[in-house]
């Protein structure tokens, strides 16, 4: 599997692509990344809450 950036958009949004031998593998990896991102955001919210108290 590979990950690469493609042509950047004029508004600085980055475009990227995931490629792999099996589309299901790519979907599984993207799901894992999404789950990690949600966990990171949850932890950040917990830290912010602790700092506020």
N, C-alpha and C. Protein backbone atom coordinates (compact mmCIF):
# COMPACT_ATOMS: atom_id res chain seq x y z
N UNK A 1 0.86 -1.17 0.00
CA UNK A 1 0.00 0.00 0.00
C UNK A 1 0.89 1.22 0.00
N UNK A 2 0.44 2.26 -0.70
CA UNK A 2 1.19 3.51 -0.70
C UNK A 2 0.24 4.68 -0.47
N UNK A 3 0.82 5.75 -0.03
CA UNK A 3 0.09 6.99 0.23
C UNK A 3 0.87 8.08 -0.47
N UNK A 4 0.18 8.91 -1.25
CA UNK A 4 0.89 9.98 -1.93
C UNK A 4 0.00 11.21 -2.07
N UNK A 5 0.65 12.36 -2.07
CA UNK A 5 -0.05 13.60 -2.32
C UNK A 5 -0.10 13.84 -3.83
N UNK A 6 -1.21 14.35 -4.29
CA UNK A 6 -1.38 14.67 -5.70
C UNK A 6 -1.39 16.18 -5.85
N UNK A 7 -1.88 16.69 -6.93
CA UNK A 7 -1.88 18.14 -7.19
C UNK A 7 -2.57 18.89 -6.06
N UNK A 8 -1.83 19.83 -5.41
CA UNK A 8 -2.47 20.63 -4.37
C UNK A 8 -3.55 21.53 -4.98
N UNK A 9 -4.55 21.80 -4.21
CA UNK A 9 -5.63 22.69 -4.63
C UNK A 9 -5.21 24.14 -4.42
N UNK A 10 -5.80 25.07 -5.17
CA UNK A 10 -5.44 26.49 -5.02
C UNK A 10 -5.65 27.02 -3.61
N UNK A 11 -6.62 26.50 -2.86
CA UNK A 11 -6.89 26.99 -1.51
C UNK A 11 -6.05 26.27 -0.45
N UNK A 12 -4.95 25.62 -0.90
CA UNK A 12 -4.00 24.93 -0.02
C UNK A 12 -4.52 23.63 0.57
N UNK A 13 -5.71 23.17 0.17
CA UNK A 13 -6.15 21.84 0.59
C UNK A 13 -5.30 20.82 -0.13
N UNK A 14 -4.82 19.85 0.59
CA UNK A 14 -3.98 18.83 -0.04
C UNK A 14 -4.85 17.69 -0.54
N UNK A 15 -4.55 17.25 -1.71
CA UNK A 15 -5.21 16.07 -2.24
C UNK A 15 -4.26 14.90 -2.04
N UNK A 16 -4.80 13.74 -1.78
CA UNK A 16 -3.94 12.58 -1.59
C UNK A 16 -4.63 11.34 -2.13
N UNK A 17 -3.85 10.32 -2.27
CA UNK A 17 -4.42 9.06 -2.72
C UNK A 17 -3.81 7.91 -1.95
N UNK A 18 -4.61 6.92 -1.67
CA UNK A 18 -4.18 5.65 -1.10
C UNK A 18 -4.30 4.62 -2.21
N UNK A 19 -3.29 3.85 -2.42
CA UNK A 19 -3.38 2.77 -3.39
C UNK A 19 -2.90 1.48 -2.74
N UNK A 20 -3.45 0.40 -3.15
CA UNK A 20 -3.07 -0.89 -2.62
C UNK A 20 -3.53 -1.98 -3.56
N UNK A 21 -3.12 -3.16 -3.28
CA UNK A 21 -3.51 -4.27 -4.13
C UNK A 21 -4.98 -4.61 -3.95
N UNK A 22 -5.49 -4.44 -2.76
CA UNK A 22 -6.87 -4.84 -2.45
C UNK A 22 -7.64 -3.62 -1.94
N UNK A 23 -8.70 -3.21 -2.64
CA UNK A 23 -9.48 -2.05 -2.18
C UNK A 23 -10.02 -2.22 -0.76
N UNK A 24 -10.32 -3.45 -0.36
CA UNK A 24 -10.80 -3.68 1.01
C UNK A 24 -9.71 -3.36 2.02
N UNK A 25 -8.44 -3.62 1.66
CA UNK A 25 -7.32 -3.30 2.54
C UNK A 25 -7.20 -1.79 2.71
N UNK A 26 -7.36 -1.06 1.63
CA UNK A 26 -7.32 0.41 1.70
C UNK A 26 -8.45 0.91 2.59
N UNK A 27 -9.65 0.39 2.41
CA UNK A 27 -10.79 0.80 3.23
C UNK A 27 -10.54 0.50 4.71
N UNK A 28 -9.95 -0.66 4.98
CA UNK A 28 -9.67 -1.04 6.36
C UNK A 28 -8.66 -0.08 6.98
N UNK A 29 -7.63 0.27 6.24
CA UNK A 29 -6.61 1.21 6.75
C UNK A 29 -7.22 2.58 6.99
N UNK A 30 -8.06 3.04 6.08
CA UNK A 30 -8.71 4.34 6.27
C UNK A 30 -9.60 4.33 7.51
N UNK A 31 -10.29 3.23 7.74
CA UNK A 31 -11.12 3.10 8.93
C UNK A 31 -10.27 3.17 10.19
N UNK A 32 -9.11 2.50 10.17
CA UNK A 32 -8.19 2.55 11.32
C UNK A 32 -7.72 3.98 11.57
N UNK A 33 -7.39 4.70 10.52
CA UNK A 33 -6.95 6.09 10.66
C UNK A 33 -8.07 6.94 11.26
N UNK A 34 -9.29 6.74 10.78
CA UNK A 34 -10.44 7.49 11.29
C UNK A 34 -10.66 7.20 12.78
N UNK A 35 -10.54 5.95 13.16
CA UNK A 35 -10.72 5.58 14.57
C UNK A 35 -9.63 6.20 15.44
N UNK A 36 -8.40 6.20 14.95
CA UNK A 36 -7.31 6.83 15.71
C UNK A 36 -7.55 8.34 15.85
N UNK A 37 -8.02 8.97 14.78
CA UNK A 37 -8.29 10.41 14.83
C UNK A 37 -9.38 10.72 15.86
N UNK A 38 -10.43 9.90 15.89
CA UNK A 38 -11.50 10.11 16.88
C UNK A 38 -10.96 9.94 18.30
N UNK A 39 -10.11 8.96 18.50
CA UNK A 39 -9.53 8.75 19.83
C UNK A 39 -8.65 9.93 20.23
N UNK A 40 -7.86 10.44 19.32
CA UNK A 40 -7.01 11.60 19.60
C UNK A 40 -7.88 12.80 19.98
N UNK A 41 -8.95 13.03 19.23
CA UNK A 41 -9.84 14.15 19.54
C UNK A 41 -10.50 13.97 20.90
N UNK A 42 -10.87 12.74 21.24
CA UNK A 42 -11.47 12.46 22.55
C UNK A 42 -10.47 12.77 23.66
N UNK A 43 -9.22 12.35 23.47
CA UNK A 43 -8.19 12.60 24.48
C UNK A 43 -7.91 14.10 24.63
N UNK A 44 -7.90 14.82 23.53
CA UNK A 44 -7.70 16.27 23.59
C UNK A 44 -8.84 16.92 24.37
N UNK A 45 -10.06 16.49 24.12
CA UNK A 45 -11.21 17.04 24.86
C UNK A 45 -11.07 16.74 26.35
N UNK A 46 -10.61 15.55 26.71
CA UNK A 46 -10.40 15.21 28.12
C UNK A 46 -9.35 16.12 28.75
N UNK A 47 -8.25 16.35 28.06
CA UNK A 47 -7.19 17.21 28.59
C UNK A 47 -7.71 18.64 28.75
N UNK A 48 -8.42 19.12 27.76
CA UNK A 48 -8.97 20.48 27.85
C UNK A 48 -9.91 20.61 29.05
N UNK A 49 -10.72 19.59 29.25
CA UNK A 49 -11.65 19.58 30.38
C UNK A 49 -10.87 19.62 31.71
N UNK A 50 -9.80 18.84 31.79
CA UNK A 50 -8.99 18.83 33.01
C UNK A 50 -8.32 20.16 33.25
N UNK A 51 -7.85 20.80 32.18
CA UNK A 51 -7.19 22.10 32.32
C UNK A 51 -8.20 23.15 32.78
N UNK A 52 -9.42 23.07 32.29
CA UNK A 52 -10.45 24.06 32.62
C UNK A 52 -10.88 23.98 34.08
N UNK A 53 -10.77 22.81 34.66
CA UNK A 53 -11.25 22.62 36.06
C UNK A 53 -10.23 23.02 37.06
